[in-house]
Amino acid sequence: VSEIGLGGEWLERHGRDEVVRIVRYCEEKGINILDCWM
């Protein structure tokens, strides 16, 4: 796992387009672990 991960809770504040941009930007930066409970 990447030592920097993605906690998805803050993504609730955004619409689909912005969520897609942020998640894919994380992937570009090498992040590969995502926590999804929101």
Full PDB file with SEQRES, HELIX, SHEET, SSBOND, CRYST1, ORIGX, SCALE, CONECT and MASTER records, all heavy atoms in Angstrom:
SEQRES   1 A   38  VAL SER GLU ILE GLY LEU GLY GLY GLU TRP LEU GLU ARG          
SEQRES   2 A   38  HIS GLY ARG ASP GLU VAL VAL ARG ILE VAL ARG TYR CYS          
SEQRES   3 A   38  GLU GLU LYS GLY ILE ASN ILE LEU ASP CYS TRP MET              
HELIX    1 AA1 GLY A    8  ARG A   13  5                                   6    
HELIX    2 AA2 ARG A   16  GLU A   28  1                                  13    
SHEET    1 AA1 2 LEU A   6  GLY A   7  0                                        
SHEET    2 AA1 2 LEU A  34  ASP A  35  1                                        
CRYST1    1.000    1.000    1.000  90.00  90.00  90.00 P 1           1          
ORIGX1      1.000000  0.000000  0.000000        0.00000                         
ORIGX2      0.000000  1.000000  0.000000        0.00000                         
ORIGX3      0.000000  0.000000  1.000000        0.00000                         
SCALE1      1.000000  0.000000  0.000000        0.00000                         
SCALE2      0.000000  1.000000  0.000000        0.00000                         
SCALE3      0.000000  0.000000  1.000000        0.00000                         
ATOM      1  N   VAL A   1       0.840  -1.197   0.000  1.00  0.00           N  
ATOM      2  CA  VAL A   1       0.000   0.000   0.000  1.00  0.00           C  
ATOM      3  C   VAL A   1       0.876   1.249   0.000  1.00  0.00           C  
ATOM      4  O   VAL A   1       1.965   1.266   0.567  1.00  0.00           O  
ATOM      5  CB  VAL A   1      -0.943   0.020   1.221  1.00  0.00           C  
ATOM      6  CG1 VAL A   1      -1.883  -1.170   1.189  1.00  0.00           C  
ATOM      7  CG2 VAL A   1      -0.176   0.045   2.537  1.00  0.00           C  
ATOM      8  N   SER A   2       0.371   2.298  -0.628  1.00  0.00           N  
ATOM      9  CA  SER A   2       1.079   3.580  -0.608  1.00  0.00           C  
ATOM     10  C   SER A   2       1.046   4.127   0.810  1.00  0.00           C  
ATOM     11  O   SER A   2       0.030   4.036   1.503  1.00  0.00           O  
ATOM     12  CB  SER A   2       0.415   4.572  -1.570  1.00  0.00           C  
ATOM     13  OG  SER A   2      -0.967   4.724  -1.287  1.00  0.00           O  
ATOM     14  N   GLU A   3       2.169   4.691   1.250  1.00  0.00           N  
ATOM     15  CA  GLU A   3       2.194   5.169   2.636  1.00  0.00           C  
ATOM     16  C   GLU A   3       1.310   6.394   2.833  1.00  0.00           C  
ATOM     17  O   GLU A   3       0.924   6.709   3.962  1.00  0.00           O  
ATOM     18  CB  GLU A   3       3.629   5.444   3.084  1.00  0.00           C  
ATOM     19  CG  GLU A   3       4.378   6.485   2.314  1.00  0.00           C  
ATOM     20  CD  GLU A   3       5.807   6.658   2.843  1.00  0.00           C  
ATOM     21  OE1 GLU A   3       6.222   5.843   3.691  1.00  0.00           O  
ATOM     22  OE2 GLU A   3       6.485   7.608   2.415  1.00  0.00           O  
ATOM     23  N   ILE A   4       0.954   7.060   1.765  1.00  0.00           N  
ATOM     24  CA  ILE A   4      -0.063   8.110   1.813  1.00  0.00           C  
ATOM     25  C   ILE A   4      -1.311   7.541   1.155  1.00  0.00           C  
ATOM     26  O   ILE A   4      -1.265   7.100   0.006  1.00  0.00           O  
ATOM     27  CB  ILE A   4       0.363   9.385   1.061  1.00  0.00           C  
ATOM     28  CG1 ILE A   4       1.767   9.830   1.479  1.00  0.00           C  
ATOM     29  CG2 ILE A   4      -0.664  10.493   1.271  1.00  0.00           C  
ATOM     30  CD1 ILE A   4       1.890  10.262   2.896  1.00  0.00           C  
ATOM     31  N   GLY A   5      -2.428   7.515   1.870  1.00  0.00           N  
ATOM     32  CA  GLY A   5      -3.659   6.955   1.342  1.00  0.00           C  
ATOM     33  C   GLY A   5      -4.728   8.023   1.149  1.00  0.00           C  
ATOM     34  O   GLY A   5      -4.489   9.221   1.350  1.00  0.00           O  
ATOM     35  N   LEU A   6      -5.915   7.567   0.765  1.00  0.00           N  
ATOM     36  CA  LEU A   6      -7.061   8.445   0.522  1.00  0.00           C  
ATOM     37  C   LEU A   6      -8.198   8.061   1.463  1.00  0.00           C  
ATOM     38  O   LEU A   6      -8.757   6.975   1.366  1.00  0.00           O  
ATOM     39  CB  LEU A   6      -7.518   8.330  -0.936  1.00  0.00           C  
ATOM     40  CG  LEU A   6      -8.890   8.902  -1.315  1.00  0.00           C  
ATOM     41  CD1 LEU A   6      -8.969  10.386  -0.978  1.00  0.00           C  
ATOM     42  CD2 LEU A   6      -9.163   8.679  -2.798  1.00  0.00           C  
ATOM     43  N   GLY A   7      -8.509   8.968   2.388  1.00  0.00           N  
ATOM     44  CA  GLY A   7      -9.689   8.811   3.228  1.00  0.00           C  
ATOM     45  C   GLY A   7     -10.832   9.562   2.579  1.00  0.00           C  
ATOM     46  O   GLY A   7     -10.762  10.784   2.402  1.00  0.00           O  
ATOM     47  N   GLY A   8     -11.889   8.861   2.214  1.00  0.00           N  
ATOM     48  CA  GLY A   8     -12.888   9.445   1.323  1.00  0.00           C  
ATOM     49  C   GLY A   8     -13.914  10.369   1.935  1.00  0.00           C  
ATOM     50  O   GLY A   8     -14.739  10.921   1.214  1.00  0.00           O  
ATOM     51  N   GLU A   9     -13.904  10.568   3.248  1.00  0.00           N  
ATOM     52  CA  GLU A   9     -15.006  11.276   3.895  1.00  0.00           C  
ATOM     53  C   GLU A   9     -15.231  12.676   3.340  1.00  0.00           C  
ATOM     54  O   GLU A   9     -16.364  13.102   3.123  1.00  0.00           O  
ATOM     55  CB  GLU A   9     -14.757  11.344   5.401  1.00  0.00           C  
ATOM     56  CG  GLU A   9     -15.887  11.990   6.183  1.00  0.00           C  
ATOM     57  CD  GLU A   9     -15.646  11.951   7.679  1.00  0.00           C  
ATOM     58  OE1 GLU A   9     -14.589  11.454   8.095  1.00  0.00           O  
ATOM     59  OE2 GLU A   9     -16.510  12.425   8.430  1.00  0.00           O  
ATOM     60  N   TRP A  10     -14.150  13.426   3.120  1.00  0.00           N  
ATOM     61  CA  TRP A  10     -14.307  14.807   2.659  1.00  0.00           C  
ATOM     62  C   TRP A  10     -14.902  14.889   1.253  1.00  0.00           C  
ATOM     63  O   TRP A  10     -15.398  15.941   0.849  1.00  0.00           O  
ATOM     64  CB  TRP A  10     -12.960  15.521   2.689  1.00  0.00           C  
ATOM     65  CG  TRP A  10     -12.517  15.898   4.067  1.00  0.00           C  
ATOM     66  CD1 TRP A  10     -13.078  15.501   5.252  1.00  0.00           C  
ATOM     67  CD2 TRP A  10     -11.421  16.736   4.401  1.00  0.00           C  
ATOM     68  NE1 TRP A  10     -12.390  16.033   6.307  1.00  0.00           N  
ATOM     69  CE2 TRP A  10     -11.363  16.790   5.824  1.00  0.00           C  
ATOM     70  CE3 TRP A  10     -10.466  17.415   3.665  1.00  0.00           C  
ATOM     71  CZ2 TRP A  10     -10.394  17.532   6.500  1.00  0.00           C  
ATOM     72  CZ3 TRP A  10      -9.489  18.145   4.341  1.00  0.00           C  
ATOM     73  CH2 TRP A  10      -9.465  18.204   5.739  1.00  0.00           C  
ATOM     74  N   LEU A  11     -14.843  13.798   0.521  1.00  0.00           N  
ATOM     75  CA  LEU A  11     -15.378  13.815  -0.839  1.00  0.00           C  
ATOM     76  C   LEU A  11     -16.886  14.000  -0.859  1.00  0.00           C  
ATOM     77  O   LEU A  11     -17.454  14.318  -1.904  1.00  0.00           O  
ATOM     78  CB  LEU A  11     -14.994  12.516  -1.565  1.00  0.00           C  
ATOM     79  CG  LEU A  11     -13.497  12.285  -1.767  1.00  0.00           C  
ATOM     80  CD1 LEU A  11     -13.253  10.941  -2.435  1.00  0.00           C  
ATOM     81  CD2 LEU A  11     -12.858  13.409  -2.582  1.00  0.00           C  
ATOM     82  N   GLU A  12     -17.538  13.806   0.290  1.00  0.00           N  
ATOM     83  CA  GLU A  12     -18.990  14.016   0.357  1.00  0.00           C  
ATOM     84  C   GLU A  12     -19.379  15.449   0.007  1.00  0.00           C  
ATOM     85  O   GLU A  12     -20.516  15.711  -0.367  1.00  0.00           O  
ATOM     86  CB  GLU A  12     -19.492  13.698   1.769  1.00  0.00           C  
ATOM     87  CG  GLU A  12     -19.450  12.229   2.121  1.00  0.00           C  
ATOM     88  CD  GLU A  12     -20.035  11.977   3.504  1.00  0.00           C  
ATOM     89  OE1 GLU A  12     -20.193  12.947   4.272  1.00  0.00           O  
ATOM     90  OE2 GLU A  12     -20.341  10.819   3.809  1.00  0.00           O  
ATOM     91  N   ARG A  13     -18.454  16.368   0.136  1.00  0.00           N  
ATOM     92  CA  ARG A  13     -18.754  17.779  -0.095  1.00  0.00           C  
ATOM     93  C   ARG A  13     -18.836  18.131  -1.579  1.00  0.00           C  
ATOM     94  O   ARG A  13     -19.202  19.252  -1.933  1.00  0.00           O  
ATOM     95  CB  ARG A  13     -17.671  18.650   0.555  1.00  0.00           C  
ATOM     96  CG  ARG A  13     -17.436  18.342   2.022  1.00  0.00           C  
ATOM     97  CD  ARG A  13     -16.268  19.142   2.560  1.00  0.00           C  
ATOM     98  NE  ARG A  13     -15.896  18.763   3.918  1.00  0.00           N  
ATOM     99  CZ  ARG A  13     -14.938  19.336   4.616  1.00  0.00           C  
ATOM    100  NH1 ARG A  13     -14.236  20.320   4.089  1.00  0.00           N  
ATOM    101  NH2 ARG A  13     -14.664  18.931   5.838  1.00  0.00           N  
ATOM    102  N   HIS A  14     -18.473  17.183  -2.454  1.00  0.00           N  
ATOM    103  CA  HIS A  14     -18.315  17.506  -3.869  1.00  0.00           C  
ATOM    104  C   HIS A  14     -19.212  16.662  -4.768  1.00  0.00           C  
ATOM    105  O   HIS A  14     -19.621  15.554  -4.414  1.00  0.00           O  
ATOM    106  CB  HIS A  14     -16.855  17.293  -4.288  1.00  0.00           C  
ATOM    107  CG  HIS A  14     -15.890  18.141  -3.506  1.00  0.00           C  
ATOM    108  ND1 HIS A  14     -15.790  19.494  -3.675  1.00  0.00           N  
ATOM    109  CD2 HIS A  14     -14.986  17.813  -2.538  1.00  0.00           C  
ATOM    110  CE1 HIS A  14     -14.860  19.975  -2.856  1.00  0.00           C  
ATOM    111  NE2 HIS A  14     -14.374  18.978  -2.158  1.00  0.00           N  
ATOM    112  N   GLY A  15     -19.480  17.220  -5.946  1.00  0.00           N  
ATOM    113  CA  GLY A  15     -20.219  16.495  -6.970  1.00  0.00           C  
ATOM    114  C   GLY A  15     -19.325  15.497  -7.684  1.00  0.00           C  
ATOM    115  O   GLY A  15     -18.117  15.422  -7.438  1.00  0.00           O  
ATOM    116  N   ARG A  16     -19.938  14.767  -8.613  1.00  0.00           N  
ATOM    117  CA  ARG A  16     -19.219  13.674  -9.269  1.00  0.00           C  
ATOM    118  C   ARG A  16     -17.973  14.131  -9.999  1.00  0.00           C  
ATOM    119  O   ARG A  16     -16.910  13.517  -9.868  1.00  0.00           O  
ATOM    120  CB  ARG A  16     -20.147  12.932 -10.231  1.00  0.00           C  
ATOM    121  CG  ARG A  16     -19.430  11.881 -11.067  1.00  0.00           C  
ATOM    122  CD  ARG A  16     -20.371  10.922 -11.730  1.00  0.00           C  
ATOM    123  NE  ARG A  16     -21.090  10.143 -10.738  1.00  0.00           N  
ATOM    124  CZ  ARG A  16     -21.792   9.042 -11.028  1.00  0.00           C  
ATOM    125  NH1 ARG A  16     -21.855   8.613 -12.266  1.00  0.00           N  
ATOM    126  NH2 ARG A  16     -22.426   8.400 -10.086  1.00  0.00           N  
ATOM    127  N   ASP A  17     -18.056  15.189 -10.766  1.00  0.00           N  
ATOM    128  CA  ASP A  17     -16.901  15.608 -11.570  1.00  0.00           C  
ATOM    129  C   ASP A  17     -15.695  15.907 -10.691  1.00  0.00           C  
ATOM    130  O   ASP A  17     -14.562  15.516 -11.008  1.00  0.00           O  
ATOM    131  CB  ASP A  17     -17.253  16.839 -12.413  1.00  0.00           C  
ATOM    132  CG  ASP A  17     -18.214  16.522 -13.542  1.00  0.00           C  
ATOM    133  OD1 ASP A  17     -18.411  15.317 -13.827  1.00  0.00           O  
ATOM    134  OD2 ASP A  17     -18.781  17.464 -14.118  1.00  0.00           O  
ATOM    135  N   GLU A  18     -15.924  16.601  -9.571  1.00  0.00           N  
ATOM    136  CA  GLU A  18     -14.816  16.954  -8.689  1.00  0.00           C  
ATOM    137  C   GLU A  18     -14.267  15.718  -7.981  1.00  0.00           C  
ATOM    138  O   GLU A  18     -13.053  15.582  -7.810  1.00  0.00           O  
ATOM    139  CB  GLU A  18     -15.259  18.004  -7.665  1.00  0.00           C  
ATOM    140  CG  GLU A  18     -14.148  18.531  -6.784  1.00  0.00           C  
ATOM    141  CD  GLU A  18     -13.087  19.316  -7.548  1.00  0.00           C  
ATOM    142  OE1 GLU A  18     -13.304  19.646  -8.737  1.00  0.00           O  
ATOM    143  OE2 GLU A  18     -12.031  19.588  -6.965  1.00  0.00           O  
ATOM    144  N   VAL A  19     -15.147  14.813  -7.583  1.00  0.00           N  
ATOM    145  CA  VAL A  19     -14.685  13.574  -6.951  1.00  0.00           C  
ATOM    146  C   VAL A  19     -13.806  12.785  -7.912  1.00  0.00           C  
ATOM    147  O   VAL A  19     -12.744  12.288  -7.543  1.00  0.00           O  
ATOM    148  CB  VAL A  19     -15.881  12.717  -6.482  1.00  0.00           C  
ATOM    149  CG1 VAL A  19     -15.424  11.321  -6.070  1.00  0.00           C  
ATOM    150  CG2 VAL A  19     -16.594  13.390  -5.317  1.00  0.00           C  
ATOM    151  N   VAL A  20     -14.255  12.688  -9.154  1.00  0.00           N  
ATOM    152  CA  VAL A  20     -13.466  11.967 -10.158  1.00  0.00           C  
ATOM    153  C   VAL A  20     -12.101  12.610 -10.332  1.00  0.00           C  
ATOM    154  O   VAL A  20     -11.073  11.926 -10.392  1.00  0.00           O  
ATOM    155  CB  VAL A  20     -14.229  11.908 -11.503  1.00  0.00           C  
ATOM    156  CG1 VAL A  20     -13.311  11.393 -12.619  1.00  0.00           C  
ATOM    157  CG2 VAL A  20     -15.462  11.016 -11.392  1.00  0.00           C  
ATOM    158  N   ARG A  21     -12.071  13.942 -10.383  1.00  0.00           N  
ATOM    159  CA  ARG A  21     -10.786  14.644 -10.559  1.00  0.00           C  
ATOM    160  C   ARG A  21      -9.846  14.372  -9.382  1.00  0.00           C  
ATOM    161  O   ARG A  21      -8.657  14.090  -9.581  1.00  0.00           O  
ATOM    162  CB  ARG A  21     -11.019  16.157 -10.713  1.00  0.00           C  
ATOM    163  CG  ARG A  21     -11.400  16.594 -12.110  1.00  0.00           C  
ATOM    164  CD  ARG A  21     -11.282  18.096 -12.263  1.00  0.00           C  
ATOM    165  NE  ARG A  21     -12.272  18.799 -11.449  1.00  0.00           N  
ATOM    166  CZ  ARG A  21     -13.487  19.125 -11.879  1.00  0.00           C  
ATOM    167  NH1 ARG A  21     -13.862  18.798 -13.100  1.00  0.00           N  
ATOM    168  NH2 ARG A  21     -14.318  19.775 -11.088  1.00  0.00           N  
ATOM    169  N   ILE A  22     -10.371  14.457  -8.171  1.00  0.00           N  
ATOM    170  CA  ILE A  22      -9.516  14.277  -6.993  1.00  0.00           C  
ATOM    171  C   ILE A  22      -9.017  12.844  -6.887  1.00  0.00           C  
ATOM    172  O   ILE A  22      -7.831  12.599  -6.643  1.00  0.00           O  
ATOM    173  CB  ILE A  22     -10.276  14.688  -5.708  1.00  0.00           C  
ATOM    174  CG1 ILE A  22     -10.523  16.199  -5.710  1.00  0.00           C  
ATOM    175  CG2 ILE A  22      -9.493  14.274  -4.463  1.00  0.00           C  
ATOM    176  CD1 ILE A  22     -11.415  16.679  -4.577  1.00  0.00           C  
ATOM    177  N   VAL A  23      -9.907  11.881  -7.080  1.00  0.00           N  
ATOM    178  CA  VAL A  23      -9.507  10.476  -6.955  1.00  0.00           C  
ATOM    179  C   VAL A  23      -8.471  10.115  -8.021  1.00  0.00           C  
ATOM    180  O   VAL A  23      -7.467   9.449  -7.735  1.00  0.00           O  
ATOM    181  CB  VAL A  23     -10.730   9.551  -7.053  1.00  0.00           C  
ATOM    182  CG1 VAL A  23     -10.303   8.080  -7.100  1.00  0.00           C  
ATOM    183  CG2 VAL A  23     -11.657   9.773  -5.854  1.00  0.00           C  
ATOM    184  N   ARG A  24      -8.684  10.551  -9.236  1.00  0.00           N  
ATOM    185  CA  ARG A  24      -7.733  10.228 -10.299  1.00  0.00           C  
ATOM    186  C   ARG A  24      -6.421  10.980 -10.118  1.00  0.00           C  
ATOM    187  O   ARG A  24      -5.355  10.480 -10.491  1.00  0.00           O  
ATOM    188  CB  ARG A  24      -8.367  10.501 -11.665  1.00  0.00           C  
ATOM    189  CG  ARG A  24      -9.500   9.516 -11.958  1.00  0.00           C  
ATOM    190  CD  ARG A  24     -10.069   9.644 -13.349  1.00  0.00           C  
ATOM    191  NE  ARG A  24     -11.115   8.652 -13.556  1.00  0.00           N  
ATOM    192  CZ  ARG A  24     -11.887   8.577 -14.634  1.00  0.00           C  
ATOM    193  NH1 ARG A  24     -11.711   9.460 -15.628  1.00  0.00           N  
ATOM    194  NH2 ARG A  24     -12.815   7.652 -14.735  1.00  0.00           N  
ATOM    195  N   TYR A  25      -6.482  12.165  -9.520  1.00  0.00           N  
ATOM    196  CA  TYR A  25      -5.248  12.890  -9.214  1.00  0.00           C  
ATOM    197  C   TYR A  25      -4.447  12.137  -8.158  1.00  0.00           C  
ATOM    198  O   TYR A  25      -3.211  12.055  -8.229  1.00  0.00           O  
ATOM    199  CB  TYR A  25      -5.574  14.305  -8.745  1.00  0.00           C  
ATOM    200  CG  TYR A  25      -4.373  15.207  -8.621  1.00  0.00           C  
ATOM    201  CD1 TYR A  25      -3.614  15.561  -9.734  1.00  0.00           C  
ATOM    202  CD2 TYR A  25      -3.998  15.713  -7.382  1.00  0.00           C  
ATOM    203  CE1 TYR A  25      -2.513  16.397  -9.618  1.00  0.00           C  
ATOM    204  CE2 TYR A  25      -2.901  16.554  -7.260  1.00  0.00           C  
ATOM    205  CZ  TYR A  25      -2.158  16.892  -8.384  1.00  0.00           C  
ATOM    206  OH  TYR A  25      -1.062  17.727  -8.265  1.00  0.00           O  
ATOM    207  N   CYS A  26      -5.155  11.579  -7.186  1.00  0.00           N  
ATOM    208  CA  CYS A  26      -4.488  10.746  -6.180  1.00  0.00           C  
ATOM    209  C   CYS A  26      -3.772   9.575  -6.855  1.00  0.00           C  
ATOM    210  O   CYS A  26      -2.619   9.250  -6.520  1.00  0.00           O  
ATOM    211  CB  CYS A  26      -5.498  10.212  -5.169  1.00  0.00           C  
ATOM    212  SG  CYS A  26      -6.118  11.425  -3.995  1.00  0.00           S  
ATOM    213  N   GLU A  27      -4.449   8.948  -7.796  1.00  0.00           N  
ATOM    214  CA  GLU A  27      -3.847   7.816  -8.503  1.00  0.00           C  
ATOM    215  C   GLU A  27      -2.600   8.257  -9.264  1.00  0.00           C  
ATOM    216  O   GLU A  27      -1.577   7.556  -9.263  1.00  0.00           O  
ATOM    217  CB  GLU A  27      -4.859   7.192  -9.457  1.00  0.00           C  
ATOM    218  CG  GLU A  27      -4.355   5.940 -10.146  1.00  0.00           C  
ATOM    219  CD  GLU A  27      -5.377   5.332 -11.097  1.00  0.00           C  
ATOM    220  OE1 GLU A  27      -6.566   5.698 -11.013  1.00  0.00           O  
ATOM    221  OE2 GLU A  27      -4.974   4.516 -11.938  1.00  0.00           O  
ATOM    222  N   GLU A  28      -2.671   9.424  -9.893  1.00  0.00           N  
ATOM    223  CA  GLU A  28      -1.500   9.947 -10.606  1.00  0.00           C  
ATOM    224  C   GLU A  28      -0.308  10.131  -9.670  1.00  0.00           C  
ATOM    225  O   GLU A  28       0.849   9.946 -10.062  1.00  0.00           O  
ATOM    226  CB  GLU A  28      -1.835  11.295 -11.257  1.00  0.00           C  
ATOM    227  CG  GLU A  28      -2.780  11.220 -12.446  1.00  0.00           C  
ATOM    228  CD  GLU A  28      -3.127  12.613 -12.950  1.00  0.00           C  
ATOM    229  OE1 GLU A  28      -2.373  13.569 -12.624  1.00  0.00           O  
ATOM    230  OE2 GLU A  28      -4.142  12.765 -13.645  1.00  0.00           O  
ATOM    231  N   LYS A  29      -0.592  10.484  -8.426  1.00  0.00           N  
ATOM    232  CA  LYS A  29       0.464  10.732  -7.451  1.00  0.00           C  
ATOM    233  C   LYS A  29       0.962   9.453  -6.788  1.00  0.00           C  
ATOM    234  O   LYS A  29       1.836   9.513  -5.913  1.00  0.00           O  
ATOM    235  CB  LYS A  29      -0.030  11.717  -6.386  1.00  0.00           C  
ATOM    236  CG  LYS A  29      -0.323  13.119  -6.913  1.00  0.00           C  
ATOM    237  CD  LYS A  29       0.947  13.780  -7.444  1.00  0.00           C  
ATOM    238  CE  LYS A  29       0.696  15.192  -7.928  1.00  0.00           C  
ATOM    239  NZ  LYS A  29       1.940  15.838  -8.410  1.00  0.00           N  
ATOM    240  N   GLY A  30       0.420   8.325  -7.193  1.00  0.00           N  
ATOM    241  CA  GLY A  30       0.899   7.049  -6.680  1.00  0.00           C  
ATOM    242  C   GLY A  30       0.093   6.481  -5.528  1.00  0.00           C  
ATOM    243  O   GLY A  30       0.437   5.422  -4.982  1.00  0.00           O  
ATOM    244  N   ILE A  31      -0.976   7.159  -5.107  1.00  0.00           N  
ATOM    245  CA  ILE A  31      -1.826   6.669  -4.019  1.00  0.00           C  
ATOM    246  C   ILE A  31      -2.638   5.476  -4.523  1.00  0.00           C  
ATOM    247  O   ILE A  31      -3.250   5.538  -5.595  1.00  0.00           O  
ATOM    248  CB  ILE A  31      -2.747   7.786  -3.505  1.00  0.00           C  
ATOM    249  CG1 ILE A  31      -1.909   8.880  -2.852  1.00  0.00           C  
ATOM    250  CG2 ILE A  31      -3.799   7.244  -2.534  1.00  0.00           C  
ATOM    251  CD1 ILE A  31      -2.677  10.138  -2.483  1.00  0.00           C  
ATOM    252  N   ASN A  32      -2.640   4.383  -3.751  1.00  0.00           N  
ATOM    253  CA  ASN A  32      -3.346   3.189  -4.226  1.00  0.00           C  
ATOM    254  C   ASN A  32      -4.267   2.557  -3.187  1.00  0.00           C  
ATOM    255  O   ASN A  32      -4.814   1.490  -3.414  1.00  0.00           O  
ATOM    256  CB  ASN A  32      -2.336   2.131  -4.715  1.00  0.00           C  
ATOM    257  CG  ASN A  32      -1.635   1.405  -3.574  1.00  0.00           C  
ATOM    258  OD1 ASN A  32      -1.600   1.881  -2.439  1.00  0.00           O  
ATOM    259  ND2 ASN A  32      -1.055   0.248  -3.887  1.00  0.00           N  
ATOM    260  N   ILE A  33      -4.448   3.214  -2.019  1.00  0.00           N  
ATOM    261  CA  ILE A  33      -5.344   2.675  -1.003  1.00  0.00           C  
ATOM    262  C   ILE A  33      -6.405   3.712  -0.657  1.00  0.00           C  
ATOM    263  O   ILE A  33      -6.105   4.896  -0.478  1.00  0.00           O  
ATOM    264  CB  ILE A  33      -4.589   2.206   0.254  1.00  0.00           C  
ATOM    265  CG1 ILE A  33      -5.577   1.626   1.275  1.00  0.00           C  
ATOM    266  CG2 ILE A  33      -3.715   3.293   0.852  1.00  0.00           C  
ATOM    267  CD1 ILE A  33      -4.919   0.880   2.415  1.00  0.00           C  
ATOM    268  N   LEU A  34      -7.630   3.249  -0.599  1.00  0.00           N  
ATOM    269  CA  LEU A  34      -8.792   4.113  -0.414  1.00  0.00           C  
ATOM    270  C   LEU A  34      -9.664   3.558   0.694  1.00  0.00           C  
ATOM    271  O   LEU A  34      -9.995   2.370   0.712  1.00  0.00           O  
ATOM    272  CB  LEU A  34      -9.593   4.167  -1.726  1.00  0.00           C  
ATOM    273  CG  LEU A  34     -11.054   4.601  -1.682  1.00  0.00           C  
ATOM    274  CD1 LEU A  34     -11.147   6.086  -1.353  1.00  0.00           C  
ATOM    275  CD2 LEU A  34     -11.735   4.306  -3.003  1.00  0.00           C  
ATOM    276  N   ASP A  35     -10.011   4.419   1.663  1.00  0.00           N  
ATOM    277  CA  ASP A  35     -10.964   4.020   2.705  1.00  0.00           C  
ATOM    278  C   ASP A  35     -12.332   4.585   2.369  1.00  0.00           C  
ATOM    279  O   ASP A  35     -12.478   5.789   2.138  1.00  0.00           O  
ATOM    280  CB  ASP A  35     -10.519   4.536   4.075  1.00  0.00           C  
ATOM    281  CG  ASP A  35     -11.464   4.078   5.169  1.00  0.00           C  
ATOM    282  OD1 ASP A  35     -11.361   2.907   5.579  1.00  0.00           O  
ATOM    283  OD2 ASP A  35     -12.312   4.882   5.607  1.00  0.00           O  
ATOM    284  N   CYS A  36     -13.331   3.702   2.335  1.00  0.00           N  
ATOM    285  CA  CYS A  36     -14.671   4.105   1.911  1.00  0.00           C  
ATOM    286  C   CYS A  36     -15.698   3.623   2.920  1.00  0.00           C  
ATOM    287  O   CYS A  36     -16.090   2.465   2.909  1.00  0.00           O  
ATOM    288  CB  CYS A  36     -14.957   3.531   0.524  1.00  0.00           C  
ATOM    289  SG  CYS A  36     -16.529   4.092  -0.166  1.00  0.00           S  
ATOM    290  N   TRP A  37     -16.129   4.514   3.804  1.00  0.00           N  
ATOM    291  CA  TRP A  37     -17.203   4.167   4.734  1.00  0.00           C  
ATOM    292  C   TRP A  37     -18.314   5.210   4.731  1.00  0.00           C  
ATOM    293  O   TRP A  37     -19.389   4.988   5.244  1.00  0.00           O  
ATOM    294  CB  TRP A  37     -16.670   4.074   6.174  1.00  0.00           C  
ATOM    295  CG  TRP A  37     -16.365   5.413   6.782  1.00  0.00           C  
ATOM    296  CD1 TRP A  37     -15.165   6.043   6.777  1.00  0.00           C  
ATOM    297  CD2 TRP A  37     -17.262   6.287   7.460  1.00  0.00           C  
ATOM    298  NE1 TRP A  37     -15.266   7.265   7.412  1.00  0.00           N  
ATOM    299  CE2 TRP A  37     -16.552   7.441   7.850  1.00  0.00           C  
ATOM    300  CE3 TRP A  37     -18.623   6.213   7.778  1.00  0.00           C  
ATOM    301  CZ2 TRP A  37     -17.139   8.509   8.523  1.00  0.00           C  
ATOM    302  CZ3 TRP A  37     -19.211   7.276   8.457  1.00  0.00           C  
ATOM    303  CH2 TRP A  37     -18.458   8.411   8.826  1.00  0.00           C  
ATOM    304  N   MET A  38     -18.079   6.340   4.114  1.00  0.00           N  
ATOM    305  CA  MET A  38     -18.821   7.573   4.342  1.00  0.00           C  
ATOM    306  C   MET A  38     -20.329   7.355   4.396  1.00  0.00           C  
ATOM    307  O   MET A  38     -20.882   6.413   3.844  1.00  0.00           O  
ATOM    308  CB  MET A  38     -18.494   8.592   3.257  1.00  0.00           C  
ATOM    309  CG  MET A  38     -17.017   8.941   3.203  1.00  0.00           C  
ATOM    310  SD  MET A  38     -16.073   7.674   2.371  1.00  0.00           S  
ATOM    311  CE  MET A  38     -16.758   7.769   0.768  1.00  0.00           C  
TER     312      MET A  38                                                      
MASTER        0    0    0    2    2    0    0    6  311    1    0    3          
END                                                                             
